[in-house]
N, C-alpha and C. Protein backbone atom coordinates (compact mmCIF):
# COMPACT_ATOMS: atom_id res chain seq x y z
N MET A 1 -114.37 117.65 17.04
CA MET A 1 -115.29 117.75 15.88
C MET A 1 -114.47 118.73 14.95
N ALA A 2 -114.36 118.13 13.62
CA ALA A 2 -113.82 119.21 12.63
C ALA A 2 -114.69 120.15 12.04
N GLU A 3 -114.13 121.34 11.96
CA GLU A 3 -114.95 122.43 11.34
C GLU A 3 -115.17 122.31 9.74
N VAL A 4 -116.47 122.45 9.39
CA VAL A 4 -116.51 122.12 7.87
C VAL A 4 -116.23 123.61 7.47
N LYS A 5 -115.13 123.55 6.46
CA LYS A 5 -114.89 124.73 5.84
C LYS A 5 -115.62 125.04 4.39
N LYS A 6 -115.85 123.92 3.54
CA LYS A 6 -116.55 124.06 2.45
C LYS A 6 -117.40 122.84 2.36
N ILE A 7 -118.80 122.79 2.00
CA ILE A 7 -119.60 121.72 1.93
C ILE A 7 -119.72 121.38 0.58
N THR A 8 -119.32 119.88 0.44
CA THR A 8 -119.27 119.47 -0.83
C THR A 8 -120.00 118.12 -0.86
N GLY A 9 -120.51 117.82 -1.90
CA GLY A 9 -121.31 116.44 -1.97
C GLY A 9 -121.77 116.10 -3.10
N ALA A 10 -122.06 114.81 -3.57
CA ALA A 10 -122.75 114.52 -4.82
C ALA A 10 -123.67 113.43 -4.59
N PHE A 11 -124.84 113.65 -5.06
CA PHE A 11 -125.94 112.68 -4.92
C PHE A 11 -125.74 111.45 -5.89
N THR A 12 -125.97 110.40 -5.54
CA THR A 12 -125.55 109.29 -6.37
C THR A 12 -126.71 108.42 -6.86
N ALA A 13 -127.81 108.21 -6.03
CA ALA A 13 -128.95 107.36 -6.45
C ALA A 13 -129.72 107.08 -5.08
N PRO A 14 -130.95 107.07 -5.32
CA PRO A 14 -131.71 106.65 -4.24
C PRO A 14 -131.82 105.21 -3.84
N ALA A 15 -131.90 104.95 -2.57
CA ALA A 15 -132.13 103.43 -2.12
C ALA A 15 -133.53 103.37 -1.62
N VAL A 16 -134.03 102.22 -1.35
CA VAL A 16 -135.39 102.03 -0.98
C VAL A 16 -135.35 101.46 0.57
N ASN A 17 -135.99 102.08 1.32
CA ASN A 17 -135.90 101.82 2.84
C ASN A 17 -136.98 100.49 2.75
N PRO A 18 -136.38 99.25 3.35
CA PRO A 18 -137.12 98.18 3.27
C PRO A 18 -138.31 98.05 4.39
N PHE A 19 -138.16 98.78 5.26
CA PHE A 19 -139.42 98.89 6.18
C PHE A 19 -140.57 99.66 5.73
N ASP A 20 -140.35 100.65 4.89
CA ASP A 20 -141.56 101.41 4.64
C ASP A 20 -141.71 101.67 3.12
N GLY A 21 -140.72 101.17 2.38
CA GLY A 21 -140.81 101.61 1.02
C GLY A 21 -140.37 102.88 0.44
N ARG A 22 -140.18 103.82 1.52
CA ARG A 22 -139.76 105.19 0.94
C ARG A 22 -138.24 105.15 0.34
N GLU A 23 -138.06 106.26 -0.47
CA GLU A 23 -136.71 106.29 -1.19
C GLU A 23 -135.93 107.17 -0.19
N ILE A 24 -134.58 106.69 0.01
CA ILE A 24 -133.77 107.54 0.64
C ILE A 24 -132.44 108.06 -0.20
N PRO A 25 -132.38 109.07 0.01
CA PRO A 25 -131.06 109.69 -1.03
C PRO A 25 -129.89 109.17 -0.44
N ILE A 26 -129.03 108.88 -1.36
CA ILE A 26 -127.51 108.45 -1.07
C ILE A 26 -126.88 109.41 -1.72
N TRP A 27 -125.83 110.05 -0.94
CA TRP A 27 -124.85 111.12 -1.06
C TRP A 27 -123.68 110.67 -0.71
N ILE A 28 -122.37 111.18 -1.37
CA ILE A 28 -121.14 110.97 -1.14
C ILE A 28 -120.54 112.23 -0.81
N SER A 29 -119.94 112.48 0.22
CA SER A 29 -119.07 113.55 0.61
C SER A 29 -118.06 113.29 1.69
N GLU A 30 -117.15 114.13 1.82
CA GLU A 30 -115.90 114.01 2.46
C GLU A 30 -115.79 114.56 3.83
N TYR A 31 -117.20 115.10 4.45
CA TYR A 31 -117.25 115.72 5.71
C TYR A 31 -117.06 114.60 7.11
N VAL A 32 -117.30 113.49 6.66
CA VAL A 32 -117.29 112.45 7.69
C VAL A 32 -115.90 112.49 8.38
N LEU A 33 -115.99 112.24 9.67
CA LEU A 33 -114.54 112.42 10.33
C LEU A 33 -113.69 111.17 9.95
N ALA A 34 -112.56 111.45 9.73
CA ALA A 34 -111.60 110.31 9.19
C ALA A 34 -111.44 109.08 10.27
N GLY A 35 -111.57 109.37 11.60
CA GLY A 35 -111.59 108.40 12.50
C GLY A 35 -112.87 107.65 13.11
N TYR A 36 -113.74 108.10 12.35
CA TYR A 36 -115.16 107.51 12.51
C TYR A 36 -115.10 106.07 12.02
N GLY A 37 -114.52 105.51 10.83
CA GLY A 37 -114.60 104.26 10.40
C GLY A 37 -114.63 104.34 8.97
N THR A 38 -114.94 103.24 8.45
CA THR A 38 -115.07 103.05 7.07
C THR A 38 -116.40 102.48 6.69
N GLY A 39 -116.91 102.59 5.64
CA GLY A 39 -118.33 102.10 5.10
C GLY A 39 -119.34 103.21 5.23
N ALA A 40 -120.48 102.83 5.04
CA ALA A 40 -121.60 103.91 5.08
C ALA A 40 -122.00 104.33 6.45
N ILE A 41 -122.43 105.34 6.28
CA ILE A 41 -123.03 106.06 7.51
C ILE A 41 -124.49 106.59 7.43
N MET A 42 -125.20 106.81 8.44
CA MET A 42 -126.66 107.46 8.16
C MET A 42 -126.59 108.87 8.74
N ALA A 43 -126.96 109.79 8.15
CA ALA A 43 -126.92 111.07 8.59
C ALA A 43 -128.16 111.40 9.50
N VAL A 44 -128.00 112.05 10.64
CA VAL A 44 -129.33 112.34 11.38
C VAL A 44 -129.17 113.95 11.60
N PRO A 45 -129.82 114.67 10.56
CA PRO A 45 -129.65 116.10 10.49
C PRO A 45 -130.28 117.03 11.75
N CYS A 46 -131.28 116.43 12.20
CA CYS A 46 -131.63 117.22 13.36
C CYS A 46 -131.14 116.95 14.67
N GLY A 47 -130.05 116.17 14.72
CA GLY A 47 -129.25 115.85 15.99
C GLY A 47 -127.76 116.06 15.76
N ASP A 48 -127.41 116.43 14.60
CA ASP A 48 -125.84 116.44 14.43
C ASP A 48 -125.59 117.63 13.48
N GLU A 49 -124.76 118.59 13.91
CA GLU A 49 -124.53 120.00 13.49
C GLU A 49 -124.06 119.84 11.87
N ARG A 50 -122.94 118.95 11.89
CA ARG A 50 -122.37 119.08 10.43
C ARG A 50 -123.50 118.22 9.33
N ASP A 51 -124.32 117.23 9.76
CA ASP A 51 -125.29 116.58 9.07
C ASP A 51 -126.35 117.63 8.81
N HIS A 52 -126.79 118.47 9.74
CA HIS A 52 -127.64 119.60 9.37
C HIS A 52 -127.39 120.65 8.46
N LYS A 53 -126.00 120.99 8.71
CA LYS A 53 -125.45 121.89 7.53
C LYS A 53 -125.23 121.49 6.08
N PHE A 54 -125.05 120.26 6.09
CA PHE A 54 -125.08 119.46 4.69
C PHE A 54 -126.44 119.16 4.13
N ALA A 55 -127.45 118.95 4.88
CA ALA A 55 -128.75 118.78 4.49
C ALA A 55 -129.36 120.11 3.99
N LYS A 56 -129.14 121.30 4.90
CA LYS A 56 -129.56 122.43 4.59
C LYS A 56 -128.90 123.13 3.19
N HIS A 57 -127.64 122.73 3.21
CA HIS A 57 -126.99 123.27 1.91
C HIS A 57 -127.45 122.73 0.74
N PHE A 58 -127.73 121.45 0.74
CA PHE A 58 -128.26 120.52 -0.60
C PHE A 58 -129.91 120.36 -0.71
N LYS A 59 -130.45 121.30 0.30
CA LYS A 59 -131.96 121.21 0.38
C LYS A 59 -132.65 119.87 0.38
N ILE A 60 -131.87 118.96 1.35
CA ILE A 60 -132.54 117.53 1.43
C ILE A 60 -133.38 117.83 2.73
N PRO A 61 -134.57 117.24 2.68
CA PRO A 61 -135.46 117.37 3.63
C PRO A 61 -135.01 116.75 5.08
N VAL A 62 -135.28 117.50 6.02
CA VAL A 62 -134.99 117.11 7.32
C VAL A 62 -136.02 116.36 8.26
N THR A 63 -136.08 115.05 8.52
CA THR A 63 -137.12 114.48 9.23
C THR A 63 -136.71 114.61 10.72
N ASN A 64 -137.91 115.36 11.35
CA ASN A 64 -137.64 115.42 12.68
C ASN A 64 -137.91 114.27 13.66
N ILE A 65 -137.04 113.66 14.22
CA ILE A 65 -137.06 112.42 14.97
C ILE A 65 -136.91 112.79 16.28
N ILE A 66 -136.89 114.00 16.77
CA ILE A 66 -136.65 114.37 18.26
C ILE A 66 -137.65 115.29 18.67
N GLY A 67 -138.75 115.53 18.00
CA GLY A 67 -140.02 116.46 18.55
C GLY A 67 -139.66 117.66 18.76
N SER A 68 -139.96 118.16 19.93
CA SER A 68 -139.89 119.54 20.33
C SER A 68 -138.46 120.02 20.61
N HIS A 69 -137.42 119.03 20.67
CA HIS A 69 -136.24 119.33 20.73
C HIS A 69 -135.56 119.83 19.63
N TYR A 70 -136.28 119.88 18.40
CA TYR A 70 -135.65 120.31 17.18
C TYR A 70 -136.57 121.62 16.78
N ASN A 71 -135.86 122.61 16.57
CA ASN A 71 -136.56 123.80 16.12
C ASN A 71 -136.56 124.16 14.52
N GLY A 72 -136.00 123.20 13.88
CA GLY A 72 -136.01 123.63 12.19
C GLY A 72 -134.91 124.25 11.93
N GLU A 73 -134.42 125.08 12.77
CA GLU A 73 -133.23 126.14 12.46
C GLU A 73 -131.72 125.29 12.62
N GLU A 74 -131.59 124.70 13.80
CA GLU A 74 -130.02 124.35 14.11
C GLU A 74 -130.51 122.71 14.92
N ALA A 75 -129.41 122.05 14.66
CA ALA A 75 -129.33 120.58 15.11
C ALA A 75 -129.35 120.73 16.75
N ASN A 76 -129.91 119.56 17.29
CA ASN A 76 -129.88 119.51 18.75
C ASN A 76 -129.41 118.08 18.97
N PRO A 77 -128.21 117.85 19.53
CA PRO A 77 -127.89 116.63 19.89
C PRO A 77 -128.13 115.94 21.19
N THR A 78 -129.25 116.30 21.61
CA THR A 78 -130.05 115.89 23.06
C THR A 78 -130.20 114.50 22.82
N LYS A 79 -130.04 113.80 24.10
CA LYS A 79 -130.15 112.41 24.40
C LYS A 79 -131.40 112.22 25.11
N GLU A 80 -132.06 113.41 25.40
CA GLU A 80 -133.52 113.18 26.25
C GLU A 80 -134.57 113.07 25.34
N ALA A 81 -134.67 113.22 24.06
CA ALA A 81 -135.70 113.04 23.37
C ALA A 81 -136.31 111.36 23.24
N ILE A 82 -137.74 111.41 23.04
CA ILE A 82 -138.30 110.14 22.74
C ILE A 82 -138.42 110.24 21.15
N LEU A 83 -137.74 109.30 20.43
CA LEU A 83 -137.66 109.29 18.90
C LEU A 83 -138.95 108.93 18.46
N GLU A 84 -139.26 109.83 17.36
CA GLU A 84 -140.57 109.48 16.64
C GLU A 84 -140.12 109.81 15.24
N ASN A 85 -141.37 109.55 14.46
CA ASN A 85 -141.25 109.73 12.78
C ASN A 85 -140.31 108.38 12.40
N SER A 86 -140.22 107.45 13.19
CA SER A 86 -139.44 106.17 12.73
C SER A 86 -140.29 104.95 12.06
N ASP A 87 -141.61 104.91 12.31
CA ASP A 87 -142.56 104.11 11.98
C ASP A 87 -142.54 102.81 12.70
N PHE A 88 -141.62 102.53 13.59
CA PHE A 88 -141.83 101.59 14.45
C PHE A 88 -141.10 101.66 15.73
């Protein structure tokens, strides 16, 4: 895991979630690991430390999808949670 030295990014535009019509913010940043692949990724701030730091830095709301496993203060990469807040 790469250590984030400086958190940078730029908001581009919102996209629309086709399942529920909510707007999803689209950001560009260089913190994604180079070996991860190319193309778009989806951040999950309640479960990934780098995503969580990015969201907190830019004041992006964090949707809790792992229930009591997320305390609102730090990411929890648990595989034990039953996913919630995903609409289906």
